Structure formats: structure tokens, C-alpha cells
C-alpha atoms as a PDB file:
ATOM      1  CA  MET A   1      11.586  12.538 -23.577  1.00  0.00           C
ATOM      2  CA  ASN A   2       9.752  11.814 -20.323  1.00  0.00           C
ATOM      3  CA  THR A   3      11.378   8.890 -18.473  1.00  0.00           C
ATOM      4  CA  THR A   4       9.244   9.230 -15.354  1.00  0.00           C
ATOM      5  CA  LYS A   5       7.377   6.085 -14.355  1.00  0.00           C
ATOM      6  CA  PRO A   6       3.624   6.749 -14.525  1.00  0.00           C
ATOM      7  CA  ILE A   7       1.745   6.623 -11.242  1.00  0.00           C
ATOM      8  CA  ARG A   8      -0.468   3.571 -11.002  1.00  0.00           C
ATOM      9  CA  LEU A   9      -3.276   3.324  -8.474  1.00  0.00           C
ATOM     10  CA  LEU A  10      -4.251  -0.033  -7.020  1.00  0.00           C
ATOM     11  CA  ARG A  11      -7.780  -0.730  -5.892  1.00  0.00           C
ATOM     12  CA  LYS A  12      -8.416  -2.458  -2.580  1.00  0.00           C
ATOM     13  CA  PRO A  13      -8.846  -6.031  -3.889  1.00  0.00           C
ATOM     14  CA  GLU A  14      -5.401  -5.823  -5.510  1.00  0.00           C
ATOM     15  CA  VAL A  15      -3.810  -4.370  -2.342  1.00  0.00           C
ATOM     16  CA  LEU A  16      -5.346  -7.154  -0.259  1.00  0.00           C
ATOM     17  CA  ARG A  17      -4.126  -9.766  -2.741  1.00  0.00           C
ATOM     18  CA  ARG A  18      -0.569  -8.409  -2.848  1.00  0.00           C
ATOM     19  CA  THR A  19      -0.217  -7.995   0.905  1.00  0.00           C
ATOM     20  CA  GLY A  20      -2.216 -10.990   2.118  1.00  0.00           C
ATOM     21  CA  LYS A  21      -3.942  -8.737   4.651  1.00  0.00           C
ATOM     22  CA  SER A  22      -7.575  -8.870   5.649  1.00  0.00           C
ATOM     23  CA  ASN A  23      -9.748  -5.812   5.161  1.00  0.00           C
ATOM     24  CA  SER A  24      -9.782  -5.037   8.896  1.00  0.00           C
ATOM     25  CA  ARG A  25      -5.991  -5.524   9.262  1.00  0.00           C
ATOM     26  CA  LEU A  26      -5.371  -3.211   6.299  1.00  0.00           C
ATOM     27  CA  TYR A  27      -7.382  -0.369   7.830  1.00  0.00           C
ATOM     28  CA  ALA A  28      -5.959  -0.970  11.328  1.00  0.00           C
ATOM     29  CA  GLU A  29      -2.425  -0.595   9.949  1.00  0.00           C
ATOM     30  CA  ILE A  30      -3.401   2.543   8.018  1.00  0.00           C
ATOM     31  CA  GLN A  31      -4.880   4.000  11.222  1.00  0.00           C
ATOM     32  CA  ALA A  32      -1.668   3.145  13.113  1.00  0.00           C
ATOM     33  CA  GLY A  33       0.489   4.748  10.415  1.00  0.00           C
ATOM     34  CA  LYS A  34       2.095   1.415   9.489  1.00  0.00           C
ATOM     35  CA  PHE A  35       0.641   1.168   5.969  1.00  0.00           C
ATOM     36  CA  PRO A  36       0.266   3.864   3.295  1.00  0.00           C
ATOM     37  CA  ALA A  37      -3.091   5.609   3.256  1.00  0.00           C
ATOM     38  CA  PRO A  38      -5.230   5.518   0.128  1.00  0.00           C
ATOM     39  CA  VAL A  39      -5.793   8.576  -2.037  1.00  0.00           C
ATOM     40  CA  LYS A  40      -9.180   9.784  -3.234  1.00  0.00           C
ATOM     41  CA  ILE A  41      -9.623   9.098  -6.932  1.00  0.00           C
ATOM     42  CA  ASN A  42     -12.414  11.615  -7.523  1.00  0.00           C
ATOM     43  CA  ALA A  43     -12.529  15.232  -6.397  1.00  0.00           C
ATOM     44  CA  ASP A  44     -16.229  14.874  -5.601  1.00  0.00           C
ATOM     45  CA  PRO A  45     -16.512  14.741  -1.775  1.00  0.00           C
ATOM     46  CA  SER A  46     -19.463  12.347  -1.994  1.00  0.00           C
ATOM     47  CA  SER A  47     -17.377   9.814  -3.922  1.00  0.00           C
ATOM     48  CA  ARG A  48     -15.857   6.999  -1.891  1.00  0.00           C
ATOM     49  CA  ALA A  49     -13.564   5.777  -4.676  1.00  0.00           C
ATOM     50  CA  SER A  50      -9.971   5.511  -3.539  1.00  0.00           C
ATOM     51  CA  GLY A  51      -6.791   3.700  -4.448  1.00  0.00           C
ATOM     52  CA  TRP A  52      -3.273   3.085  -3.221  1.00  0.00           C
ATOM     53  CA  ILE A  53      -0.166   4.281  -5.020  1.00  0.00           C
ATOM     54  CA  GLU A  54       1.501   1.135  -6.325  1.00  0.00           C
ATOM     55  CA  GLU A  55       5.015   2.399  -5.595  1.00  0.00           C
ATOM     56  CA  GLU A  56       4.126   3.008  -1.919  1.00  0.00           C
ATOM     57  CA  VAL A  57       2.652  -0.497  -1.570  1.00  0.00           C
ATOM     58  CA  GLU A  58       5.753  -1.997  -3.200  1.00  0.00           C
ATOM     59  CA  ALA A  59       8.007  -0.014  -0.833  1.00  0.00           C
ATOM     60  CA  TYR A  60       5.991  -1.265   2.157  1.00  0.00           C
ATOM     61  CA  LEU A  61       6.397  -4.864   0.992  1.00  0.00           C
ATOM     62  CA  ALA A  62      10.138  -4.386   0.356  1.00  0.00           C
ATOM     63  CA  ASP A  63      10.536  -3.007   3.907  1.00  0.00           C
ATOM     64  CA  ARG A  64       8.660  -5.977   5.375  1.00  0.00           C
ATOM     65  CA  ILE A  65      10.858  -8.413   3.430  1.00  0.00           C
ATOM     66  CA  ALA A  66      14.022  -6.641   4.577  1.00  0.00           C
ATOM     67  CA  ALA A  67      12.855  -6.645   8.221  1.00  0.00           C
ATOM     68  CA  SER A  68      12.062 -10.344   7.992  1.00  0.00           C
ATOM     69  CA  ARG A  69      15.515 -11.106   6.590  1.00  0.00           C
ATOM     70  CA  GLU A  70      17.190  -9.052   9.338  1.00  0.00           C
ATOM     71  CA  GLN A  71      15.296 -10.969  12.028  1.00  0.00           C
ATOM     72  CA  LYS A  72      16.423 -14.307  10.565  1.00  0.00           C
ATOM     73  CA  ALA A  73      20.047 -13.142  10.351  1.00  0.00           C
ATOM     74  CA  ALA A  74      20.021 -11.976  13.993  1.00  0.00           C
ATOM     75  CA  ALA A  75      18.646 -15.321  15.233  1.00  0.00           C
END
């Protein structure tokens, strides 16, 4: 029996909704290495379709929450 969680890809509108980021902030953080990069959905090089791995986005959010809690505790 396979107990591995299936990989789910999130499209950009869902990533923006979950993170509360603007489009420009999202790509600036990807460029700076602060947010997970999207993966190409299609193998066709002319395709622009991409998505984010849900688990990576959730891990990013969990890290941000933890950092926020640490800052409050230190204050």
C-alpha cells in the first residue's frame, strides 16, 4: 500500500491567496531565494504553465509563522 502523500501543484492565484503577497512581491522573493520557485507543468518549452508545490508553500508559511512567534517572544 502506498502511503505517500500525492504531490499537489498550486497555481499562482492560489499561492497569492494563501500568502497574501502581490504578484510583484512573489516574484521578487523568488528571485531573492526567499520563496520556493515554481515548476514547469508542461515539458513543452513554449508553454508558460507553472505551479508551486503545495508542501513547499506550506513549509514557507510555517517558517514565517515560527519566525513571527520568535520575534514576539524575544520582545
